[in-house]
Amino acid sequence: MPGDQIEPGRRRRDSSATRTAILEAATRHFACKGYGHAGAREIATDAGVTAAMINRYFGSKEGLFAEVIERAFDIRELIQGDRATLADRLARIMVYGRPDAPDSGRIPLLLLLRAATEPAAAELLRAKLEENNLPLLAERLGGPDAGTRAGLIIAQLTGFAILYQMIQPKELADADREQLVACLTASLAVCFADPPRPSRSQPCG
């Protein structure tokens, strides 16, 4: 989009840079303040654009939040590669963080925790998970009950991340990290395997 409006004295950006600046500013504000308390004007000021640019690029504050969620919880890159080692790789990311962005893991957690207390934000988060993350992971898993198993994997990863990265109980904070990887991998691996079908009881006589 040529000719993006900017406030006087601020550097002109191209469309891609403007969009990225808004997303990054919005991510900071939504993570720190939550969806309801983060103002469009504050986000725009932080991004170096006018508030009208948020509507121009994202349609509304709701549309902006939806894209922030989609960007923060994007798992497509994480689930690529050998399926046989995926549980281990996910566990290592949870324990050691991503090598390319060691501090980025807290942002999705903050967004999730803030959204959990706001019905509108929680609904947007749920919709994005059902639209993107869960189907992508379920497709990667394959087999029966893939959607349920994908949900259980996301639940395990989320719960572990909240405790390990934010609450930090001594039992996890002081634990050997390779042991944590091994335990979490084993727990995740249960959901990666095709579940056994429940046996049908034979009628008496």
N, C-alpha and C. Protein backbone atom coordinates (compact mmCIF):
# COMPACT_ATOMS: atom_id res chain seq x y z
N MET A 1 0.84 -1.19 0.00
CA MET A 1 0.00 0.00 0.00
C MET A 1 0.89 1.25 0.00
N PRO A 2 0.99 1.93 -1.10
CA PRO A 2 1.84 3.12 -1.14
C PRO A 2 1.20 4.27 -0.40
N GLY A 3 2.04 5.18 0.04
CA GLY A 3 1.55 6.41 0.65
C GLY A 3 0.93 6.23 2.01
N ASP A 4 1.46 5.28 2.82
CA ASP A 4 0.92 5.09 4.15
C ASP A 4 1.02 6.39 4.95
N GLN A 5 -0.07 6.69 5.69
CA GLN A 5 -0.08 7.89 6.50
C GLN A 5 0.78 7.68 7.74
N ILE A 6 1.57 8.67 8.07
CA ILE A 6 2.35 8.64 9.30
C ILE A 6 2.24 10.01 9.94
N GLU A 7 2.50 10.06 11.22
CA GLU A 7 2.44 11.33 11.92
C GLU A 7 3.61 12.20 11.50
N PRO A 8 3.44 13.53 11.54
CA PRO A 8 4.51 14.43 11.10
C PRO A 8 5.82 14.14 11.81
N GLY A 9 6.92 14.15 11.06
CA GLY A 9 8.23 13.94 11.62
C GLY A 9 8.63 12.49 11.77
N ARG A 10 7.70 11.56 11.46
CA ARG A 10 8.02 10.15 11.60
C ARG A 10 8.41 9.58 10.24
N ARG A 11 9.29 8.56 10.30
CA ARG A 11 9.85 7.99 9.08
C ARG A 11 8.79 7.23 8.30
N ARG A 12 8.79 7.43 6.98
CA ARG A 12 7.85 6.71 6.13
C ARG A 12 8.31 5.26 5.98
N ARG A 13 7.36 4.35 6.05
CA ARG A 13 7.66 2.94 5.88
C ARG A 13 6.93 2.40 4.66
N ASP A 14 7.41 1.26 4.14
CA ASP A 14 6.64 0.59 3.11
C ASP A 14 5.55 -0.23 3.80
N SER A 15 4.67 -0.83 3.00
CA SER A 15 3.50 -1.51 3.55
C SER A 15 3.88 -2.67 4.47
N SER A 16 4.84 -3.47 4.05
CA SER A 16 5.25 -4.62 4.84
C SER A 16 5.83 -4.19 6.18
N ALA A 17 6.68 -3.17 6.17
CA ALA A 17 7.28 -2.69 7.41
C ALA A 17 6.24 -2.07 8.33
N THR A 18 5.27 -1.37 7.75
CA THR A 18 4.21 -0.76 8.57
C THR A 18 3.38 -1.84 9.24
N ARG A 19 3.01 -2.85 8.48
CA ARG A 19 2.22 -3.96 9.02
C ARG A 19 2.97 -4.66 10.16
N THR A 20 4.25 -4.93 9.94
CA THR A 20 5.06 -5.60 10.96
C THR A 20 5.18 -4.75 12.21
N ALA A 21 5.39 -3.44 12.03
CA ALA A 21 5.52 -2.54 13.18
C ALA A 21 4.24 -2.52 14.01
N ILE A 22 3.09 -2.51 13.35
CA ILE A 22 1.82 -2.52 14.07
C ILE A 22 1.65 -3.84 14.82
N LEU A 23 1.95 -4.95 14.17
CA LEU A 23 1.82 -6.26 14.80
C LEU A 23 2.73 -6.39 16.02
N GLU A 24 3.95 -5.92 15.89
CA GLU A 24 4.89 -6.03 17.01
C GLU A 24 4.46 -5.15 18.18
N ALA A 25 4.00 -3.93 17.87
CA ALA A 25 3.52 -3.05 18.93
C ALA A 25 2.27 -3.64 19.60
N ALA A 26 1.36 -4.15 18.79
CA ALA A 26 0.13 -4.74 19.33
C ALA A 26 0.44 -5.95 20.20
N THR A 27 1.39 -6.76 19.78
CA THR A 27 1.77 -7.94 20.57
C THR A 27 2.25 -7.51 21.95
N ARG A 28 3.08 -6.48 22.01
CA ARG A 28 3.57 -5.99 23.30
C ARG A 28 2.43 -5.50 24.18
N HIS A 29 1.54 -4.73 23.60
CA HIS A 29 0.45 -4.13 24.39
C HIS A 29 -0.56 -5.18 24.83
N PHE A 30 -0.94 -6.10 23.94
CA PHE A 30 -1.90 -7.15 24.31
C PHE A 30 -1.30 -8.08 25.37
N ALA A 31 0.00 -8.38 25.26
CA ALA A 31 0.64 -9.26 26.23
C ALA A 31 0.75 -8.60 27.60
N CYS A 32 1.00 -7.30 27.63
CA CYS A 32 1.18 -6.58 28.90
C CYS A 32 -0.14 -6.16 29.54
N LYS A 33 -1.11 -5.76 28.71
CA LYS A 33 -2.34 -5.17 29.24
C LYS A 33 -3.59 -6.00 29.01
N GLY A 34 -3.52 -6.94 28.10
CA GLY A 34 -4.72 -7.67 27.74
C GLY A 34 -5.47 -6.99 26.62
N TYR A 35 -6.37 -7.73 26.01
CA TYR A 35 -7.11 -7.22 24.85
C TYR A 35 -7.97 -6.01 25.20
N GLY A 36 -8.67 -6.09 26.32
CA GLY A 36 -9.61 -5.04 26.67
C GLY A 36 -8.96 -3.73 27.05
N HIS A 37 -7.76 -3.78 27.62
CA HIS A 37 -7.11 -2.57 28.13
C HIS A 37 -6.07 -1.99 27.18
N ALA A 38 -5.77 -2.67 26.12
CA ALA A 38 -4.81 -2.15 25.13
C ALA A 38 -5.57 -1.28 24.13
N GLY A 39 -5.21 -0.01 24.06
CA GLY A 39 -5.92 0.92 23.18
C GLY A 39 -5.30 0.99 21.79
N ALA A 40 -6.16 1.17 20.80
CA ALA A 40 -5.68 1.26 19.41
C ALA A 40 -4.75 2.46 19.23
N ARG A 41 -5.06 3.57 19.88
CA ARG A 41 -4.21 4.76 19.74
C ARG A 41 -2.83 4.52 20.34
N GLU A 42 -2.79 3.85 21.49
CA GLU A 42 -1.50 3.54 22.12
C GLU A 42 -0.66 2.62 21.22
N ILE A 43 -1.32 1.63 20.65
CA ILE A 43 -0.62 0.71 19.75
C ILE A 43 -0.08 1.45 18.54
N ALA A 44 -0.92 2.32 17.97
CA ALA A 44 -0.50 3.08 16.79
C ALA A 44 0.68 3.99 17.12
N THR A 45 0.62 4.65 18.26
CA THR A 45 1.72 5.54 18.65
C THR A 45 3.01 4.75 18.81
N ASP A 46 2.92 3.59 19.44
CA ASP A 46 4.09 2.74 19.63
C ASP A 46 4.66 2.29 18.28
N ALA A 47 3.77 2.03 17.32
CA ALA A 47 4.20 1.58 15.99
C ALA A 47 4.68 2.72 15.11
N GLY A 48 4.41 3.97 15.51
CA GLY A 48 4.83 5.12 14.72
C GLY A 48 3.90 5.43 13.56
N VAL A 49 2.60 5.10 13.71
CA VAL A 49 1.62 5.37 12.66
C VAL A 49 0.39 6.02 13.30
N THR A 50 -0.56 6.41 12.48
CA THR A 50 -1.81 6.94 13.00
C THR A 50 -2.75 5.79 13.31
N ALA A 51 -3.73 6.06 14.20
CA ALA A 51 -4.69 5.02 14.59
C ALA A 51 -5.48 4.51 13.39
N ALA A 52 -5.69 5.36 12.40
CA ALA A 52 -6.45 4.95 11.21
C ALA A 52 -5.77 3.81 10.47
N MET A 53 -4.45 3.70 10.62
CA MET A 53 -3.73 2.65 9.91
C MET A 53 -4.07 1.26 10.43
N ILE A 54 -4.48 1.17 11.68
CA ILE A 54 -4.88 -0.14 12.22
C ILE A 54 -6.09 -0.66 11.48
N ASN A 55 -7.09 0.21 11.27
CA ASN A 55 -8.27 -0.19 10.52
C ASN A 55 -7.93 -0.48 9.07
N ARG A 56 -7.01 0.29 8.53
CA ARG A 56 -6.65 0.10 7.12
C ARG A 56 -6.02 -1.26 6.88
N TYR A 57 -5.17 -1.69 7.80
CA TYR A 57 -4.46 -2.95 7.60
C TYR A 57 -5.18 -4.16 8.18
N PHE A 58 -5.93 -3.97 9.29
CA PHE A 58 -6.49 -5.11 10.00
C PHE A 58 -8.01 -5.05 10.15
N GLY A 59 -8.62 -3.97 9.70
CA GLY A 59 -10.08 -3.86 9.75
C GLY A 59 -10.62 -3.34 11.06
N SER A 60 -10.02 -3.76 12.17
CA SER A 60 -10.49 -3.36 13.49
C SER A 60 -9.47 -3.83 14.53
N LYS A 61 -9.68 -3.41 15.76
CA LYS A 61 -8.83 -3.90 16.85
C LYS A 61 -8.99 -5.41 17.01
N GLU A 62 -10.22 -5.91 16.81
CA GLU A 62 -10.46 -7.35 16.88
C GLU A 62 -9.67 -8.09 15.81
N GLY A 63 -9.68 -7.55 14.59
CA GLY A 63 -8.91 -8.16 13.51
C GLY A 63 -7.42 -8.14 13.79
N LEU A 64 -6.95 -7.07 14.42
CA LEU A 64 -5.54 -6.97 14.79
C LEU A 64 -5.19 -8.02 15.83
N PHE A 65 -6.04 -8.18 16.85
CA PHE A 65 -5.78 -9.16 17.88
C PHE A 65 -5.77 -10.57 17.30
N ALA A 66 -6.69 -10.85 16.39
CA ALA A 66 -6.75 -12.17 15.77
C ALA A 66 -5.45 -12.48 15.03
N GLU A 67 -4.90 -11.49 14.35
CA GLU A 67 -3.65 -11.72 13.62
C GLU A 67 -2.46 -11.84 14.57
N VAL A 68 -2.48 -11.08 15.66
CA VAL A 68 -1.43 -11.22 16.67
C VAL A 68 -1.43 -12.64 17.23
N ILE A 69 -2.62 -13.17 17.52
CA ILE A 69 -2.75 -14.52 18.05
C ILE A 69 -2.24 -15.54 17.03
N GLU A 70 -2.66 -15.38 15.79
CA GLU A 70 -2.23 -16.32 14.76
C GLU A 70 -0.72 -16.32 14.60
N ARG A 71 -0.13 -15.15 14.67
CA ARG A 71 1.33 -15.01 14.52
C ARG A 71 2.07 -15.59 15.72
N ALA A 72 1.57 -15.32 16.93
CA ALA A 72 2.25 -15.75 18.15
C ALA A 72 2.17 -17.26 18.36
N PHE A 73 1.07 -17.87 17.89
CA PHE A 73 0.86 -19.30 18.13
C PHE A 73 1.08 -20.14 16.88
N ASP A 74 1.75 -19.59 15.90
CA ASP A 74 2.01 -20.32 14.66
C ASP A 74 2.95 -21.50 14.94
N ILE A 75 2.47 -22.72 14.68
CA ILE A 75 3.28 -23.90 14.97
C ILE A 75 3.75 -24.62 13.71
N ARG A 76 3.48 -24.03 12.54
CA ARG A 76 3.79 -24.74 11.30
C ARG A 76 5.26 -25.14 11.21
N GLU A 77 6.14 -24.23 11.54
CA GLU A 77 7.57 -24.54 11.47
C GLU A 77 7.98 -25.56 12.52
N LEU A 78 7.35 -25.49 13.70
CA LEU A 78 7.73 -26.37 14.80
C LEU A 78 7.41 -27.82 14.54
N ILE A 79 6.35 -28.10 13.76
CA ILE A 79 5.92 -29.48 13.59
C ILE A 79 6.42 -30.10 12.29
N GLN A 80 7.30 -29.39 11.58
CA GLN A 80 7.90 -29.97 10.39
C GLN A 80 9.00 -30.95 10.78
N GLY A 81 9.47 -31.73 9.80
CA GLY A 81 10.56 -32.66 10.07
C GLY A 81 10.06 -34.05 10.39
N ASP A 82 10.97 -34.87 10.86
CA ASP A 82 10.69 -36.28 11.13
C ASP A 82 9.65 -36.42 12.24
N ARG A 83 8.55 -37.09 11.93
CA ARG A 83 7.49 -37.28 12.92
C ARG A 83 7.98 -38.10 14.11
N ALA A 84 8.92 -39.01 13.86
CA ALA A 84 9.41 -39.89 14.92
C ALA A 84 10.14 -39.13 16.02
N THR A 85 10.69 -37.97 15.69
CA THR A 85 11.44 -37.19 16.69
C THR A 85 10.69 -35.94 17.12
N LEU A 86 9.44 -35.80 16.70
CA LEU A 86 8.70 -34.56 16.96
C LEU A 86 8.45 -34.35 18.46
N ALA A 87 8.11 -35.41 19.18
CA ALA A 87 7.86 -35.26 20.62
C ALA A 87 9.12 -34.75 21.32
N ASP A 88 10.26 -35.30 20.97
CA ASP A 88 11.53 -34.85 21.58
C ASP A 88 11.83 -33.41 21.22
N ARG A 89 11.59 -33.03 19.96
CA ARG A 89 11.90 -31.67 19.53
C ARG A 89 11.00 -30.66 20.21
N LEU A 90 9.72 -30.99 20.36
CA LEU A 90 8.81 -30.08 21.06
C LEU A 90 9.20 -29.96 22.53
N ALA A 91 9.58 -31.07 23.14
CA ALA A 91 9.99 -31.03 24.54
C ALA A 91 11.23 -30.17 24.71
N ARG A 92 12.18 -30.27 23.79
CA ARG A 92 13.41 -29.47 23.89
C ARG A 92 13.12 -27.98 23.74
N ILE A 93 12.18 -27.64 22.88
CA ILE A 93 11.81 -26.24 22.72
C ILE A 93 11.18 -25.71 24.01
N MET A 94 10.35 -26.54 24.65
CA MET A 94 9.73 -26.12 25.90
C MET A 94 10.77 -25.92 27.00
N VAL A 95 11.77 -26.78 27.05
CA VAL A 95 12.76 -26.73 28.13
C VAL A 95 13.86 -25.71 27.86
N TYR A 96 14.36 -25.70 26.63
CA TYR A 96 15.52 -24.85 26.30
C TYR A 96 15.14 -23.56 25.57
N GLY A 97 13.92 -23.48 25.04
CA GLY A 97 13.54 -22.32 24.24
C GLY A 97 13.99 -22.49 22.80
N ARG A 98 13.52 -21.61 21.96
CA ARG A 98 13.90 -21.66 20.55
C ARG A 98 15.25 -20.96 20.37
N PRO A 99 16.20 -21.60 19.68
CA PRO A 99 17.52 -20.98 19.52
C PRO A 99 17.48 -19.64 18.80
N ASP A 100 16.52 -19.50 17.87
CA ASP A 100 16.44 -18.26 17.10
C ASP A 100 15.72 -17.15 17.84
N ALA A 101 14.99 -17.49 18.90
CA ALA A 101 14.23 -16.47 19.64
C ALA A 101 14.06 -16.95 21.08
N PRO A 102 15.13 -16.92 21.87
CA PRO A 102 15.09 -17.52 23.21
C PRO A 102 14.10 -16.89 24.17
N ASP A 103 13.72 -15.63 23.96
CA ASP A 103 12.80 -14.96 24.88
C ASP A 103 11.37 -14.90 24.37
N SER A 104 11.13 -15.44 23.17
CA SER A 104 9.81 -15.27 22.57
C SER A 104 8.76 -16.17 23.19
N GLY A 105 9.17 -17.22 23.94
CA GLY A 105 8.21 -18.15 24.49
C GLY A 105 7.26 -17.54 25.50
N ARG A 106 7.68 -16.49 26.19
CA ARG A 106 6.83 -15.87 27.20
C ARG A 106 5.68 -15.09 26.57
N ILE A 107 5.87 -14.59 25.37
CA ILE A 107 4.82 -13.77 24.75
C ILE A 107 3.53 -14.56 24.53
N PRO A 108 3.57 -15.75 23.89
CA PRO A 108 2.33 -16.51 23.75
C PRO A 108 1.68 -16.84 25.09
N LEU A 109 2.50 -17.14 26.10
CA LEU A 109 1.94 -17.44 27.41
C LEU A 109 1.23 -16.24 28.01
N LEU A 110 1.84 -15.06 27.89
CA LEU A 110 1.21 -13.85 28.41
C LEU A 110 -0.09 -13.55 27.66
N LEU A 111 -0.06 -13.71 26.35
CA LEU A 111 -1.28 -13.50 25.56
C LEU A 111 -2.37 -14.47 26.00
N LEU A 112 -1.99 -15.72 26.21
CA LEU A 112 -2.97 -16.73 26.61
C LEU A 112 -3.54 -16.43 27.99
N LEU A 113 -2.68 -16.09 28.94
CA LEU A 113 -3.14 -15.82 30.30
C LEU A 113 -4.02 -14.58 30.36
N ARG A 114 -3.65 -13.54 29.62
CA ARG A 114 -4.49 -12.34 29.58
C ARG A 114 -5.84 -12.65 28.94
N ALA A 115 -5.81 -13.43 27.83
CA ALA A 115 -7.04 -13.73 27.10
C ALA A 115 -7.99 -14.58 27.94
N ALA A 116 -7.44 -15.42 28.82
CA ALA A 116 -8.28 -16.33 29.61
C ALA A 116 -9.25 -15.58 30.52
N THR A 117 -8.93 -14.34 30.87
CA THR A 117 -9.78 -13.57 31.78
C THR A 117 -10.74 -12.65 31.04
N GLU A 118 -10.69 -12.63 29.71
CA GLU A 118 -11.55 -11.75 28.92
C GLU A 118 -12.34 -12.59 27.91
N PRO A 119 -13.65 -12.69 28.07
CA PRO A 119 -14.45 -13.57 27.20
C PRO A 119 -14.26 -13.31 25.71
N ALA A 120 -14.21 -12.04 25.30
CA ALA A 120 -14.07 -11.75 23.87
C ALA A 120 -12.72 -12.23 23.34
N ALA A 121 -11.67 -11.98 24.13
CA ALA A 121 -10.34 -12.41 23.72
C ALA A 121 -10.22 -13.93 23.75
N ALA A 122 -10.82 -14.56 24.76
CA ALA A 122 -10.77 -16.02 24.86
C ALA A 122 -11.46 -16.67 23.67
N GLU A 123 -12.55 -16.08 23.22
CA GLU A 123 -13.27 -16.62 22.06
C GLU A 123 -12.43 -16.49 20.80
N LEU A 124 -11.75 -15.37 20.62
CA LEU A 124 -10.87 -15.20 19.46
C LEU A 124 -9.72 -16.20 19.51
N LEU A 125 -9.16 -16.41 20.69
CA LEU A 125 -8.07 -17.37 20.83
C LEU A 125 -8.56 -18.78 20.53
N ARG A 126 -9.71 -19.14 21.07
CA ARG A 126 -10.27 -20.46 20.80
C ARG A 126 -10.50 -20.68 19.30
N ALA A 127 -11.05 -19.66 18.65
CA ALA A 127 -11.33 -19.78 17.22
C ALA A 127 -10.05 -19.99 16.42
N LYS A 128 -8.99 -19.28 16.77
CA LYS A 128 -7.72 -19.42 16.06
C LYS A 128 -7.10 -20.78 16.29
N LEU A 129 -7.19 -21.29 17.52
CA LEU A 129 -6.67 -22.62 17.80
C LEU A 129 -7.41 -23.68 17.00
N GLU A 130 -8.73 -23.55 16.93
CA GLU A 130 -9.53 -24.53 16.20
C GLU A 130 -9.36 -24.39 14.69
N GLU A 131 -9.04 -23.20 14.25
CA GLU A 131 -8.89 -22.95 12.81
C GLU A 131 -7.51 -23.36 12.31
N ASN A 132 -6.48 -23.16 13.12
CA ASN A 132 -5.11 -23.35 12.65
C ASN A 132 -4.35 -24.45 13.40
N ASN A 133 -4.01 -24.20 14.66
CA ASN A 133 -3.08 -25.06 15.37
C ASN A 133 -3.56 -26.50 15.52
N LEU A 134 -4.77 -26.68 16.02
CA LEU A 134 -5.24 -28.02 16.27
C LEU A 134 -5.40 -28.84 14.98
N PRO A 135 -5.99 -28.29 13.91
CA PRO A 135 -6.07 -29.08 12.67
C PRO A 135 -4.71 -29.40 12.08
N LEU A 136 -3.77 -28.44 12.13
CA LEU A 136 -2.44 -28.70 11.59
C LEU A 136 -1.74 -29.81 12.35
N LEU A 137 -1.81 -29.77 13.66
CA LEU A 137 -1.16 -30.80 14.46
C LEU A 137 -1.88 -32.14 14.30
N ALA A 138 -3.20 -32.11 14.23
CA ALA A 138 -3.97 -33.34 14.04
C ALA A 138 -3.61 -34.00 12.71
N GLU A 139 -3.48 -33.20 11.67
CA GLU A 139 -3.08 -33.73 10.37
C GLU A 139 -1.69 -34.36 10.44
N ARG A 140 -0.81 -33.73 11.19
CA ARG A 140 0.55 -34.26 11.34
C ARG A 140 0.54 -35.57 12.09
N LEU A 141 -0.34 -35.69 13.09
CA LEU A 141 -0.41 -36.91 13.88
C LEU A 141 -1.03 -38.06 13.09
N GLY A 142 -2.15 -37.78 12.43
CA GLY A 142 -2.86 -38.82 11.71
C GLY A 142 -3.46 -39.85 12.65
N GLY A 143 -4.14 -40.82 12.07
CA GLY A 143 -4.69 -41.90 12.87
C GLY A 143 -5.98 -41.52 13.57
N PRO A 144 -6.54 -42.46 14.33
CA PRO A 144 -7.82 -42.21 15.01
C PRO A 144 -7.69 -41.16 16.11
N ASP A 145 -8.76 -40.41 16.31
CA ASP A 145 -8.82 -39.42 17.40
C ASP A 145 -7.67 -38.41 17.34
N ALA A 146 -7.22 -38.07 16.13
CA ALA A 146 -6.07 -37.17 15.99
C ALA A 146 -6.37 -35.79 16.57
N GLY A 147 -7.60 -35.32 16.42
CA GLY A 147 -7.96 -34.01 16.96
C GLY A 147 -7.88 -33.97 18.47
N THR A 148 -8.39 -35.01 19.11
CA THR A 148 -8.32 -35.09 20.57
C THR A 148 -6.88 -35.17 21.04
N ARG A 149 -6.07 -35.99 20.38
CA ARG A 149 -4.68 -36.13 20.77
C ARG A 149 -3.91 -34.82 20.55
N ALA A 150 -4.25 -34.10 19.48
CA ALA A 150 -3.62 -32.80 19.25
C ALA A 150 -3.96 -31.83 20.38
N GLY A 151 -5.21 -31.84 20.82
CA GLY A 151 -5.61 -30.98 21.93
C GLY A 151 -4.87 -31.32 23.21
N LEU A 152 -4.67 -32.62 23.46
CA LEU A 152 -3.96 -33.04 24.66
C LEU A 152 -2.49 -32.63 24.60
N ILE A 153 -1.89 -32.69 23.41
CA ILE A 153 -0.49 -32.25 23.27
C ILE A 153 -0.37 -30.76 23.55
N ILE A 154 -1.27 -29.96 22.96
CA ILE A 154 -1.24 -28.51 23.20
C ILE A 154 -1.45 -28.21 24.68
N ALA A 155 -2.35 -28.96 25.31
CA ALA A 155 -2.62 -28.75 26.74
C ALA A 155 -1.38 -29.06 27.58
N GLN A 156 -0.69 -30.15 27.26
CA GLN A 156 0.52 -30.50 28.00
C GLN A 156 1.61 -29.44 27.82
N LEU A 157 1.81 -29.02 26.59
CA LEU A 157 2.84 -28.02 26.32
C LEU A 157 2.53 -26.71 27.02
N THR A 158 1.26 -26.31 26.96
CA THR A 158 0.87 -25.04 27.59
C THR A 158 1.03 -25.10 29.10
N GLY A 159 0.54 -26.18 29.70
CA GLY A 159 0.66 -26.32 31.14
C GLY A 159 2.11 -26.36 31.60
N PHE A 160 2.93 -27.12 30.90
CA PHE A 160 4.35 -27.19 31.26
C PHE A 160 5.00 -25.81 31.14
N ALA A 161 4.71 -25.11 30.03
CA ALA A 161 5.34 -23.81 29.80
C ALA A 161 4.96 -22.81 30.88
N ILE A 162 3.70 -22.80 31.29
CA ILE A 162 3.26 -21.86 32.33
C ILE A 162 4.01 -22.13 33.63
N LEU A 163 4.08 -23.39 34.02
CA LEU A 163 4.77 -23.72 35.28
C LEU A 163 6.27 -23.49 35.17
N TYR A 164 6.87 -23.96 34.08
CA TYR A 164 8.32 -23.94 33.97
C TYR A 164 8.87 -22.54 33.71
N GLN A 165 8.19 -21.78 32.85
CA GLN A 165 8.72 -20.49 32.45
C GLN A 165 8.23 -19.34 33.33
N MET A 166 7.04 -19.49 33.92
CA MET A 166 6.47 -18.35 34.63
C MET A 166 6.34 -18.58 36.13
N ILE A 167 5.74 -19.70 36.54
CA ILE A 167 5.56 -19.96 37.97
C ILE A 167 6.86 -20.43 38.59
N GLN A 168 7.59 -21.28 37.89
CA GLN A 168 8.92 -21.77 38.28
C GLN A 168 8.97 -22.38 39.68
N PRO A 169 8.17 -23.43 39.93
CA PRO A 169 8.33 -24.12 41.21
C PRO A 169 9.72 -24.75 41.31
N LYS A 170 10.22 -24.90 42.51
CA LYS A 170 11.58 -25.38 42.73
C LYS A 170 11.81 -26.73 42.07
N GLU A 171 10.79 -27.60 42.11
CA GLU A 171 10.94 -28.94 41.57
C GLU A 171 11.25 -28.93 40.08
N LEU A 172 10.75 -27.93 39.37
CA LEU A 172 11.06 -27.81 37.94
C LEU A 172 12.27 -26.92 37.71
N ALA A 173 12.35 -25.82 38.43
CA ALA A 173 13.45 -24.87 38.23
C ALA A 173 14.81 -25.50 38.51
N ASP A 174 14.88 -26.40 39.50
CA ASP A 174 16.15 -27.01 39.88
C ASP A 174 16.40 -28.35 39.20
N ALA A 175 15.45 -28.82 38.43
CA ALA A 175 15.58 -30.14 37.81
C ALA A 175 16.61 -30.12 36.69
N ASP A 176 17.24 -31.27 36.46
CA ASP A 176 18.14 -31.41 35.32
C ASP A 176 17.35 -31.26 34.03
N ARG A 177 17.80 -30.41 33.15
CA ARG A 177 17.01 -30.09 31.96
C ARG A 177 16.87 -31.27 31.01
N GLU A 178 17.90 -32.09 30.90
CA GLU A 178 17.78 -33.27 30.04
C GLU A 178 16.78 -34.26 30.62
N GLN A 179 16.69 -34.33 31.94
CA GLN A 179 15.68 -35.19 32.55
C GLN A 179 14.28 -34.65 32.28
N LEU A 180 14.13 -33.35 32.32
CA LEU A 180 12.84 -32.75 31.98
C LEU A 180 12.46 -33.06 30.53
N VAL A 181 13.43 -32.95 29.63
CA VAL A 181 13.17 -33.27 28.22
C VAL A 181 12.71 -34.71 28.09
N ALA A 182 13.41 -35.62 28.77
CA ALA A 182 13.08 -37.04 28.68
C ALA A 182 11.67 -37.32 29.20
N CYS A 183 11.32 -36.72 30.34
CA CYS A 183 10.00 -36.95 30.93
C CYS A 183 8.89 -36.36 30.08
N LEU A 184 9.11 -35.14 29.60
CA LEU A 184 8.09 -34.50 28.78
C LEU A 184 7.94 -35.24 27.45
N THR A 185 9.05 -35.68 26.87
CA THR A 185 8.98 -36.44 25.63
C THR A 185 8.15 -37.70 25.81
N ALA A 186 8.39 -38.41 26.90
CA ALA A 186 7.64 -39.64 27.16
C ALA A 186 6.15 -39.36 27.33
N SER A 187 5.84 -38.25 27.99
CA SER A 187 4.44 -37.89 28.19
C SER A 187 3.77 -37.53 26.87
N LEU A 188 4.47 -36.76 26.04
CA LEU A 188 3.93 -36.38 24.74
C LEU A 188 3.80 -37.59 23.81
N ALA A 189 4.75 -38.51 23.91
CA ALA A 189 4.78 -39.66 23.00
C ALA A 189 3.51 -40.50 23.11
N VAL A 190 2.89 -40.51 24.27
CA VAL A 190 1.64 -41.26 24.43
C VAL A 190 0.58 -40.74 23.47
N CYS A 191 0.54 -39.42 23.28
CA CYS A 191 -0.45 -38.82 22.39
C CYS A 191 -0.04 -38.91 20.92
N PHE A 192 1.23 -39.13 20.65
CA PHE A 192 1.68 -39.29 19.27
C PHE A 192 1.34 -40.67 18.73
N ALA A 193 1.26 -41.65 19.61
CA ALA A 193 0.95 -43.01 19.17
C ALA A 193 -0.55 -43.17 18.96
N ASP A 194 -0.92 -44.02 18.00
CA ASP A 194 -2.34 -44.31 17.80
C ASP A 194 -2.87 -45.00 19.05
N PRO A 195 -3.96 -44.49 19.63
CA PRO A 195 -4.46 -45.08 20.87
C PRO A 195 -5.07 -46.45 20.61
N PRO A 196 -4.94 -47.37 21.57
CA PRO A 196 -5.58 -48.68 21.41
C PRO A 196 -7.08 -48.55 21.47
N ARG A 197 -7.74 -49.33 20.67
CA ARG A 197 -9.20 -49.35 20.71
C ARG A 197 -9.69 -50.05 21.96
N PRO A 198 -10.72 -49.49 22.63
CA PRO A 198 -11.23 -50.16 23.82
C PRO A 198 -11.77 -51.53 23.46
N SER A 199 -11.45 -52.53 24.30
CA SER A 199 -11.90 -53.89 24.03
C SER A 199 -13.37 -54.02 24.34
N ARG A 200 -14.04 -54.80 23.53
CA ARG A 200 -15.47 -55.06 23.76
C ARG A 200 -15.60 -56.31 24.61
N SER A 201 -16.37 -56.21 25.66
CA SER A 201 -16.56 -57.38 26.52
C SER A 201 -17.41 -58.41 25.81
N GLN A 202 -17.01 -59.65 25.93
CA GLN A 202 -17.75 -60.72 25.31
C GLN A 202 -19.00 -61.07 26.13
N PRO A 203 -20.12 -61.31 25.47
CA PRO A 203 -21.34 -61.67 26.23
C PRO A 203 -21.16 -63.01 26.92
N CYS A 204 -21.72 -63.13 28.10
CA CYS A 204 -21.64 -64.40 28.85
C CYS A 204 -22.47 -65.47 28.17
N GLY A 205 -21.99 -66.69 28.26
CA GLY A 205 -22.74 -67.81 27.70
C GLY A 205 -22.59 -67.86 26.22
